Amino acid sequence: MAQSGSLSAETETLSHVLSIMETFRAFDSDNDGSITTQELGGILSSLGYKASEEDVRAMMQQGDTNKDGLLSLEEFLEMNTKNMELRGLANLLGTAFESLNLDGDEILTGEELHAVMGNIGVELTLENCKDIIASMDGDGDGAVSFEDFQLIVNSLL
């Protein structure tokens, strides 16, 4: 079991990652799971940044690792967390999901995440856990598939 100081740091890191995921959802104005150059430029403009089209394209190219012209959640996370040490958080989240997958449904809800995080000593509110799931929930059904969850965890490594 991790030390409580380390769990506190992991919880703080998780909160930061959640903020990044919420930012992604704000940029993804059509909720299709990816950010276009137009969405990125639009949100930057609405926040008061005067980024040129060239600057926006450069940002997109920097984060678009698969070169499809879009930023996925995984690419956005990678782009915004590359200077953070996230291995501990990724391991913690991976362990949480594996322990939830006992029924084999490969689906994670906020309630399930809350129960497991509590069992491993991480104090997150149910609302925070639901927010985490909502941030990763591409289809809006209130749950995250194991595959989607693994993509996010792997992008933190």
N, C-alpha and C. Protein backbone atom coordinates (compact mmCIF):
# COMPACT_ATOMS: atom_id res chain seq x y z
N MET A 1 0.85 -1.18 0.00
CA MET A 1 0.00 0.00 0.00
C MET A 1 0.89 1.24 0.00
N ALA A 2 0.49 2.25 -0.73
CA ALA A 2 1.27 3.47 -0.83
C ALA A 2 1.17 4.27 0.45
N GLN A 3 2.16 5.09 0.71
CA GLN A 3 2.15 5.97 1.87
C GLN A 3 1.07 7.04 1.68
N SER A 4 0.52 7.54 2.81
CA SER A 4 -0.55 8.53 2.69
C SER A 4 -0.08 9.80 1.99
N GLY A 5 1.18 10.22 2.21
CA GLY A 5 1.71 11.39 1.51
C GLY A 5 1.71 11.18 0.02
N SER A 6 2.07 9.98 -0.39
CA SER A 6 2.09 9.67 -1.81
C SER A 6 0.67 9.60 -2.36
N LEU A 7 -0.28 9.09 -1.57
CA LEU A 7 -1.68 9.07 -2.01
C LEU A 7 -2.20 10.49 -2.16
N SER A 8 -1.81 11.37 -1.27
CA SER A 8 -2.22 12.77 -1.37
C SER A 8 -1.68 13.39 -2.65
N ALA A 9 -0.42 13.12 -2.95
CA ALA A 9 0.18 13.62 -4.19
C ALA A 9 -0.53 13.03 -5.40
N GLU A 10 -0.85 11.73 -5.34
CA GLU A 10 -1.55 11.07 -6.45
C GLU A 10 -2.93 11.69 -6.64
N THR A 11 -3.62 12.00 -5.54
CA THR A 11 -4.94 12.61 -5.62
C THR A 11 -4.84 14.00 -6.24
N GLU A 12 -3.83 14.76 -5.85
CA GLU A 12 -3.62 16.09 -6.42
C GLU A 12 -3.32 15.97 -7.92
N THR A 13 -2.49 15.01 -8.29
CA THR A 13 -2.17 14.79 -9.70
C THR A 13 -3.42 14.39 -10.47
N LEU A 14 -4.22 13.52 -9.88
CA LEU A 14 -5.47 13.09 -10.51
C LEU A 14 -6.38 14.30 -10.73
N SER A 15 -6.45 15.19 -9.79
CA SER A 15 -7.26 16.39 -9.92
C SER A 15 -6.76 17.24 -11.09
N HIS A 16 -5.44 17.35 -11.24
CA HIS A 16 -4.87 18.11 -12.36
C HIS A 16 -5.22 17.44 -13.70
N VAL A 17 -5.07 16.13 -13.76
CA VAL A 17 -5.39 15.40 -14.99
C VAL A 17 -6.87 15.56 -15.31
N LEU A 18 -7.72 15.51 -14.30
CA LEU A 18 -9.15 15.71 -14.50
C LEU A 18 -9.42 17.09 -15.10
N SER A 19 -8.72 18.10 -14.61
CA SER A 19 -8.88 19.45 -15.16
C SER A 19 -8.49 19.50 -16.63
N ILE A 20 -7.43 18.79 -16.98
CA ILE A 20 -7.00 18.74 -18.38
C ILE A 20 -8.08 18.06 -19.23
N MET A 21 -8.66 16.99 -18.69
CA MET A 21 -9.70 16.28 -19.43
C MET A 21 -10.95 17.14 -19.59
N GLU A 22 -11.29 17.92 -18.57
CA GLU A 22 -12.43 18.83 -18.67
C GLU A 22 -12.15 19.92 -19.70
N THR A 23 -10.92 20.39 -19.75
CA THR A 23 -10.53 21.38 -20.75
C THR A 23 -10.70 20.79 -22.15
N PHE A 24 -10.30 19.53 -22.32
CA PHE A 24 -10.47 18.86 -23.61
C PHE A 24 -11.94 18.89 -24.02
N ARG A 25 -12.82 18.54 -23.08
CA ARG A 25 -14.26 18.52 -23.38
C ARG A 25 -14.76 19.91 -23.77
N ALA A 26 -14.20 20.96 -23.17
CA ALA A 26 -14.59 22.32 -23.54
C ALA A 26 -14.13 22.65 -24.96
N PHE A 27 -12.93 22.20 -25.33
CA PHE A 27 -12.42 22.44 -26.68
C PHE A 27 -13.22 21.64 -27.71
N ASP A 28 -13.64 20.44 -27.35
CA ASP A 28 -14.36 19.54 -28.26
C ASP A 28 -15.83 19.97 -28.32
N SER A 29 -16.08 21.07 -29.00
CA SER A 29 -17.41 21.68 -28.96
C SER A 29 -18.51 20.81 -29.57
N ASP A 30 -18.18 19.92 -30.50
CA ASP A 30 -19.22 19.06 -31.08
C ASP A 30 -19.27 17.68 -30.42
N ASN A 31 -18.47 17.50 -29.36
CA ASN A 31 -18.46 16.26 -28.57
C ASN A 31 -18.23 15.00 -29.41
N ASP A 32 -17.35 15.09 -30.40
CA ASP A 32 -17.08 13.92 -31.22
C ASP A 32 -15.82 13.16 -30.77
N GLY A 33 -15.21 13.60 -29.68
CA GLY A 33 -14.05 12.89 -29.15
C GLY A 33 -12.72 13.36 -29.70
N SER A 34 -12.74 14.44 -30.47
CA SER A 34 -11.49 14.98 -30.99
C SER A 34 -11.63 16.49 -31.17
N ILE A 35 -10.48 17.15 -31.20
CA ILE A 35 -10.44 18.60 -31.36
C ILE A 35 -9.90 18.91 -32.74
N THR A 36 -10.63 19.75 -33.48
CA THR A 36 -10.17 20.20 -34.79
C THR A 36 -9.39 21.50 -34.63
N THR A 37 -8.73 21.90 -35.69
CA THR A 37 -8.01 23.17 -35.70
C THR A 37 -8.98 24.32 -35.44
N GLN A 38 -10.17 24.24 -36.03
CA GLN A 38 -11.16 25.29 -35.85
C GLN A 38 -11.63 25.36 -34.39
N GLU A 39 -11.86 24.21 -33.76
CA GLU A 39 -12.29 24.19 -32.36
C GLU A 39 -11.20 24.78 -31.47
N LEU A 40 -9.96 24.39 -31.71
CA LEU A 40 -8.85 24.90 -30.92
C LEU A 40 -8.73 26.41 -31.08
N GLY A 41 -8.77 26.89 -32.32
CA GLY A 41 -8.69 28.33 -32.56
C GLY A 41 -9.85 29.09 -31.94
N GLY A 42 -11.04 28.52 -32.04
CA GLY A 42 -12.23 29.17 -31.48
C GLY A 42 -12.18 29.31 -29.98
N ILE A 43 -11.76 28.26 -29.30
CA ILE A 43 -11.72 28.31 -27.84
C ILE A 43 -10.60 29.24 -27.37
N LEU A 44 -9.46 29.20 -28.06
CA LEU A 44 -8.37 30.12 -27.69
C LEU A 44 -8.83 31.57 -27.85
N SER A 45 -9.53 31.85 -28.93
CA SER A 45 -10.04 33.20 -29.17
C SER A 45 -11.03 33.61 -28.09
N SER A 46 -11.92 32.69 -27.71
CA SER A 46 -12.91 33.01 -26.68
C SER A 46 -12.27 33.24 -25.31
N LEU A 47 -11.07 32.68 -25.12
CA LEU A 47 -10.34 32.88 -23.86
C LEU A 47 -9.47 34.13 -23.90
N GLY A 48 -9.51 34.84 -25.04
CA GLY A 48 -8.77 36.09 -25.15
C GLY A 48 -7.39 35.97 -25.75
N TYR A 49 -7.01 34.78 -26.20
CA TYR A 49 -5.71 34.60 -26.84
C TYR A 49 -5.81 34.99 -28.31
N LYS A 50 -4.86 35.74 -28.76
CA LYS A 50 -4.85 36.18 -30.15
C LYS A 50 -3.86 35.33 -30.94
N ALA A 51 -4.16 34.04 -31.05
CA ALA A 51 -3.30 33.12 -31.78
C ALA A 51 -3.61 33.19 -33.27
N SER A 52 -2.57 33.29 -34.07
CA SER A 52 -2.76 33.30 -35.52
C SER A 52 -3.12 31.89 -35.99
N GLU A 53 -3.63 31.79 -37.23
CA GLU A 53 -3.94 30.47 -37.79
C GLU A 53 -2.68 29.61 -37.81
N GLU A 54 -1.55 30.23 -38.09
CA GLU A 54 -0.28 29.50 -38.13
C GLU A 54 0.08 28.96 -36.74
N ASP A 55 -0.15 29.77 -35.70
CA ASP A 55 0.12 29.32 -34.33
C ASP A 55 -0.78 28.15 -33.94
N VAL A 56 -2.04 28.24 -34.30
CA VAL A 56 -2.99 27.17 -33.99
C VAL A 56 -2.58 25.89 -34.71
N ARG A 57 -2.24 26.01 -35.99
CA ARG A 57 -1.79 24.82 -36.75
C ARG A 57 -0.53 24.22 -36.13
N ALA A 58 0.38 25.06 -35.67
CA ALA A 58 1.61 24.57 -35.03
C ALA A 58 1.28 23.82 -33.75
N MET A 59 0.32 24.33 -32.96
CA MET A 59 -0.10 23.63 -31.74
C MET A 59 -0.69 22.26 -32.10
N MET A 60 -1.52 22.25 -33.12
CA MET A 60 -2.15 21.00 -33.54
C MET A 60 -1.07 19.99 -33.98
N GLN A 61 -0.13 20.45 -34.78
CA GLN A 61 0.92 19.55 -35.27
C GLN A 61 1.76 19.01 -34.12
N GLN A 62 2.00 19.83 -33.12
CA GLN A 62 2.78 19.40 -31.97
C GLN A 62 2.11 18.25 -31.24
N GLY A 63 0.79 18.33 -31.09
CA GLY A 63 0.09 17.31 -30.32
C GLY A 63 -0.44 16.15 -31.14
N ASP A 64 -0.62 16.33 -32.42
CA ASP A 64 -1.24 15.32 -33.29
C ASP A 64 -0.21 14.26 -33.68
N THR A 65 0.02 13.33 -32.77
CA THR A 65 1.08 12.33 -32.98
C THR A 65 0.75 11.32 -34.07
N ASN A 66 -0.54 11.05 -34.30
CA ASN A 66 -0.88 10.08 -35.35
C ASN A 66 -1.14 10.77 -36.70
N LYS A 67 -0.98 12.08 -36.75
CA LYS A 67 -1.05 12.88 -37.97
C LYS A 67 -2.38 12.75 -38.72
N ASP A 68 -3.49 12.66 -37.97
CA ASP A 68 -4.80 12.59 -38.62
C ASP A 68 -5.48 13.96 -38.70
N GLY A 69 -4.78 15.03 -38.25
CA GLY A 69 -5.34 16.37 -38.30
C GLY A 69 -6.25 16.71 -37.14
N LEU A 70 -6.34 15.81 -36.15
CA LEU A 70 -7.20 15.99 -34.99
C LEU A 70 -6.41 15.72 -33.72
N LEU A 71 -6.87 16.27 -32.61
CA LEU A 71 -6.30 15.93 -31.30
C LEU A 71 -7.29 15.05 -30.58
N SER A 72 -6.87 13.83 -30.25
CA SER A 72 -7.71 12.95 -29.43
C SER A 72 -7.47 13.30 -27.96
N LEU A 73 -8.30 12.75 -27.09
CA LEU A 73 -8.11 12.97 -25.66
C LEU A 73 -6.73 12.48 -25.23
N GLU A 74 -6.32 11.32 -25.73
CA GLU A 74 -5.02 10.78 -25.37
C GLU A 74 -3.89 11.70 -25.80
N GLU A 75 -3.98 12.24 -27.03
CA GLU A 75 -2.96 13.16 -27.51
C GLU A 75 -2.96 14.45 -26.70
N PHE A 76 -4.14 14.94 -26.36
CA PHE A 76 -4.26 16.16 -25.57
C PHE A 76 -3.66 15.96 -24.18
N LEU A 77 -3.94 14.81 -23.57
CA LEU A 77 -3.35 14.50 -22.26
C LEU A 77 -1.83 14.43 -22.36
N GLU A 78 -1.35 13.72 -23.35
CA GLU A 78 0.10 13.58 -23.52
C GLU A 78 0.75 14.94 -23.71
N MET A 79 0.12 15.78 -24.51
CA MET A 79 0.64 17.11 -24.80
C MET A 79 0.71 17.98 -23.54
N ASN A 80 -0.27 17.83 -22.66
CA ASN A 80 -0.37 18.70 -21.49
C ASN A 80 0.19 18.09 -20.20
N THR A 81 0.70 16.88 -20.26
CA THR A 81 1.26 16.26 -19.05
C THR A 81 2.69 15.76 -19.26
N LYS A 82 3.30 16.09 -20.40
CA LYS A 82 4.60 15.49 -20.70
C LYS A 82 5.69 15.84 -19.70
N ASN A 83 5.55 16.92 -18.95
CA ASN A 83 6.56 17.29 -17.96
C ASN A 83 6.19 16.85 -16.55
N MET A 84 5.14 16.04 -16.43
CA MET A 84 4.71 15.57 -15.11
C MET A 84 5.10 14.10 -14.94
N GLU A 85 5.34 13.72 -13.71
CA GLU A 85 5.60 12.31 -13.38
C GLU A 85 4.25 11.67 -13.08
N LEU A 86 3.78 10.84 -14.01
CA LEU A 86 2.43 10.29 -13.89
C LEU A 86 2.40 8.77 -13.77
N ARG A 87 3.56 8.15 -13.71
CA ARG A 87 3.58 6.69 -13.65
C ARG A 87 2.82 6.16 -12.43
N GLY A 88 2.99 6.79 -11.28
CA GLY A 88 2.29 6.35 -10.07
C GLY A 88 0.78 6.46 -10.23
N LEU A 89 0.31 7.58 -10.80
CA LEU A 89 -1.11 7.76 -11.02
C LEU A 89 -1.63 6.73 -12.02
N ALA A 90 -0.91 6.52 -13.10
CA ALA A 90 -1.34 5.55 -14.11
C ALA A 90 -1.42 4.15 -13.50
N ASN A 91 -0.43 3.79 -12.69
CA ASN A 91 -0.45 2.48 -12.04
C ASN A 91 -1.63 2.37 -11.09
N LEU A 92 -1.88 3.43 -10.33
CA LEU A 92 -3.00 3.44 -9.39
C LEU A 92 -4.33 3.27 -10.11
N LEU A 93 -4.52 4.02 -11.21
CA LEU A 93 -5.76 3.93 -11.97
C LEU A 93 -5.88 2.56 -12.65
N GLY A 94 -4.77 2.05 -13.17
CA GLY A 94 -4.79 0.73 -13.79
C GLY A 94 -5.18 -0.35 -12.81
N THR A 95 -4.63 -0.28 -11.61
CA THR A 95 -4.97 -1.24 -10.55
C THR A 95 -6.44 -1.13 -10.19
N ALA A 96 -6.93 0.11 -10.10
CA ALA A 96 -8.34 0.32 -9.77
C ALA A 96 -9.24 -0.34 -10.81
N PHE A 97 -8.93 -0.14 -12.09
CA PHE A 97 -9.79 -0.71 -13.13
C PHE A 97 -9.72 -2.23 -13.12
N GLU A 98 -8.51 -2.77 -12.99
CA GLU A 98 -8.38 -4.24 -12.96
C GLU A 98 -9.19 -4.84 -11.83
N SER A 99 -9.22 -4.19 -10.68
CA SER A 99 -9.97 -4.74 -9.56
C SER A 99 -11.48 -4.61 -9.79
N LEU A 100 -11.89 -3.70 -10.65
CA LEU A 100 -13.31 -3.56 -10.96
C LEU A 100 -13.78 -4.54 -12.02
N ASN A 101 -12.87 -5.07 -12.77
CA ASN A 101 -13.23 -5.89 -13.91
C ASN A 101 -13.50 -7.34 -13.52
N LEU A 102 -13.79 -7.58 -12.26
CA LEU A 102 -14.04 -8.94 -11.80
C LEU A 102 -15.27 -9.55 -12.46
N ASP A 103 -16.28 -8.74 -12.75
CA ASP A 103 -17.49 -9.27 -13.36
C ASP A 103 -17.35 -9.45 -14.87
N GLY A 104 -16.23 -9.00 -15.42
CA GLY A 104 -15.96 -9.21 -16.84
C GLY A 104 -16.71 -8.29 -17.78
N ASP A 105 -17.45 -7.30 -17.25
CA ASP A 105 -18.21 -6.45 -18.17
C ASP A 105 -17.35 -5.40 -18.86
N GLU A 106 -16.14 -5.20 -18.39
CA GLU A 106 -15.18 -4.25 -18.96
C GLU A 106 -15.75 -2.85 -19.10
N ILE A 107 -16.60 -2.46 -18.15
CA ILE A 107 -17.19 -1.12 -18.11
C ILE A 107 -16.95 -0.55 -16.72
N LEU A 108 -16.58 0.73 -16.66
CA LEU A 108 -16.32 1.39 -15.39
C LEU A 108 -17.26 2.58 -15.21
N THR A 109 -17.95 2.61 -14.07
CA THR A 109 -18.84 3.73 -13.74
C THR A 109 -18.19 4.55 -12.62
N GLY A 110 -18.73 5.72 -12.39
CA GLY A 110 -18.25 6.57 -11.29
C GLY A 110 -18.40 5.91 -9.95
N GLU A 111 -19.50 5.20 -9.76
CA GLU A 111 -19.74 4.51 -8.49
C GLU A 111 -18.70 3.42 -8.26
N GLU A 112 -18.38 2.67 -9.32
CA GLU A 112 -17.38 1.61 -9.19
C GLU A 112 -16.00 2.19 -8.90
N LEU A 113 -15.66 3.26 -9.60
CA LEU A 113 -14.36 3.91 -9.36
C LEU A 113 -14.28 4.41 -7.93
N HIS A 114 -15.34 5.01 -7.43
CA HIS A 114 -15.37 5.52 -6.06
C HIS A 114 -15.16 4.40 -5.06
N ALA A 115 -15.83 3.28 -5.26
CA ALA A 115 -15.70 2.15 -4.33
C ALA A 115 -14.27 1.62 -4.30
N VAL A 116 -13.69 1.43 -5.45
CA VAL A 116 -12.34 0.86 -5.50
C VAL A 116 -11.30 1.84 -4.98
N MET A 117 -11.41 3.11 -5.36
CA MET A 117 -10.44 4.10 -4.87
C MET A 117 -10.50 4.17 -3.35
N GLY A 118 -11.68 4.11 -2.79
CA GLY A 118 -11.83 4.09 -1.33
C GLY A 118 -11.19 2.86 -0.73
N ASN A 119 -11.36 1.70 -1.38
CA ASN A 119 -10.78 0.45 -0.88
C ASN A 119 -9.26 0.46 -0.88
N ILE A 120 -8.65 1.24 -1.80
CA ILE A 120 -7.19 1.28 -1.83
C ILE A 120 -6.63 2.51 -1.11
N GLY A 121 -7.52 3.22 -0.41
CA GLY A 121 -7.07 4.30 0.45
C GLY A 121 -7.01 5.68 -0.18
N VAL A 122 -7.59 5.85 -1.36
CA VAL A 122 -7.59 7.16 -2.01
C VAL A 122 -8.95 7.81 -1.75
N GLU A 123 -8.92 8.94 -1.06
CA GLU A 123 -10.15 9.64 -0.69
C GLU A 123 -10.59 10.57 -1.81
N LEU A 124 -11.52 10.10 -2.63
CA LEU A 124 -12.14 10.92 -3.65
C LEU A 124 -13.65 10.88 -3.41
N THR A 125 -14.30 12.01 -3.63
CA THR A 125 -15.74 12.01 -3.46
C THR A 125 -16.38 11.27 -4.63
N LEU A 126 -17.60 10.84 -4.42
CA LEU A 126 -18.35 10.18 -5.49
C LEU A 126 -18.49 11.14 -6.67
N GLU A 127 -18.73 12.40 -6.38
CA GLU A 127 -18.87 13.40 -7.45
C GLU A 127 -17.58 13.52 -8.26
N ASN A 128 -16.40 13.52 -7.59
CA ASN A 128 -15.13 13.56 -8.31
C ASN A 128 -14.98 12.34 -9.21
N CYS A 129 -15.35 11.17 -8.69
CA CYS A 129 -15.24 9.94 -9.48
C CYS A 129 -16.17 9.98 -10.68
N LYS A 130 -17.37 10.50 -10.49
CA LYS A 130 -18.30 10.63 -11.62
C LYS A 130 -17.76 11.62 -12.65
N ASP A 131 -17.12 12.70 -12.17
CA ASP A 131 -16.52 13.67 -13.08
C ASP A 131 -15.39 13.04 -13.88
N ILE A 132 -14.58 12.21 -13.22
CA ILE A 132 -13.49 11.52 -13.91
C ILE A 132 -14.05 10.66 -15.03
N ILE A 133 -15.06 9.88 -14.72
CA ILE A 133 -15.67 9.00 -15.72
C ILE A 133 -16.29 9.83 -16.83
N ALA A 134 -17.01 10.90 -16.47
CA ALA A 134 -17.64 11.76 -17.49
C ALA A 134 -16.60 12.36 -18.42
N SER A 135 -15.43 12.69 -17.89
CA SER A 135 -14.37 13.27 -18.71
C SER A 135 -13.83 12.28 -19.73
N MET A 136 -13.92 10.99 -19.42
CA MET A 136 -13.41 9.96 -20.33
C MET A 136 -14.52 9.33 -21.16
N ASP A 137 -15.76 9.65 -20.87
CA ASP A 137 -16.93 9.02 -21.49
C ASP A 137 -17.23 9.64 -22.84
N GLY A 138 -16.74 9.01 -23.89
CA GLY A 138 -16.91 9.54 -25.24
C GLY A 138 -18.32 9.47 -25.77
N ASP A 139 -19.12 8.49 -25.34
CA ASP A 139 -20.46 8.35 -25.90
C ASP A 139 -21.58 8.82 -24.97
N GLY A 140 -21.21 9.33 -23.80
CA GLY A 140 -22.20 9.91 -22.90
C GLY A 140 -23.10 8.94 -22.18
N ASP A 141 -22.70 7.66 -22.10
CA ASP A 141 -23.57 6.67 -21.44
C ASP A 141 -23.30 6.54 -19.95
N GLY A 142 -22.40 7.37 -19.40
CA GLY A 142 -22.13 7.34 -17.97
C GLY A 142 -21.11 6.31 -17.55
N ALA A 143 -20.46 5.67 -18.51
CA ALA A 143 -19.46 4.64 -18.20
C ALA A 143 -18.32 4.72 -19.22
N VAL A 144 -17.21 4.09 -18.85
CA VAL A 144 -16.04 4.07 -19.72
C VAL A 144 -15.67 2.61 -19.96
N SER A 145 -15.38 2.29 -21.21
CA SER A 145 -14.96 0.93 -21.52
C SER A 145 -13.54 0.70 -21.05
N PHE A 146 -13.21 -0.55 -20.82
CA PHE A 146 -11.86 -0.91 -20.40
C PHE A 146 -10.84 -0.43 -21.43
N GLU A 147 -11.16 -0.58 -22.70
CA GLU A 147 -10.25 -0.17 -23.77
C GLU A 147 -9.98 1.33 -23.71
N ASP A 148 -11.04 2.14 -23.57
CA ASP A 148 -10.87 3.59 -23.47
C ASP A 148 -10.07 3.97 -22.24
N PHE A 149 -10.38 3.34 -21.13
CA PHE A 149 -9.68 3.62 -19.88
C PHE A 149 -8.19 3.30 -20.02
N GLN A 150 -7.88 2.16 -20.63
CA GLN A 150 -6.47 1.76 -20.82
C GLN A 150 -5.74 2.76 -21.72
N LEU A 151 -6.40 3.27 -22.77
CA LEU A 151 -5.78 4.27 -23.63
C LEU A 151 -5.38 5.50 -22.83
N ILE A 152 -6.27 5.93 -21.93
CA ILE A 152 -5.98 7.11 -21.12
C ILE A 152 -4.85 6.82 -20.14
N VAL A 153 -4.92 5.67 -19.46
CA VAL A 153 -3.88 5.31 -18.50
C VAL A 153 -2.54 5.21 -19.23
N ASN A 154 -2.53 4.58 -20.38
CA ASN A 154 -1.27 4.42 -21.13
C ASN A 154 -0.73 5.77 -21.59
N SER A 155 -1.62 6.73 -21.88
CA SER A 155 -1.13 8.04 -22.30
C SER A 155 -0.47 8.79 -21.13
N LEU A 156 -0.75 8.35 -19.89
CA LEU A 156 -0.14 8.98 -18.73
C LEU A 156 1.25 8.41 -18.44
N LEU A 157 1.56 7.25 -19.03
CA LEU A 157 2.85 6.60 -18.76
C LEU A 157 3.98 7.22 -19.52
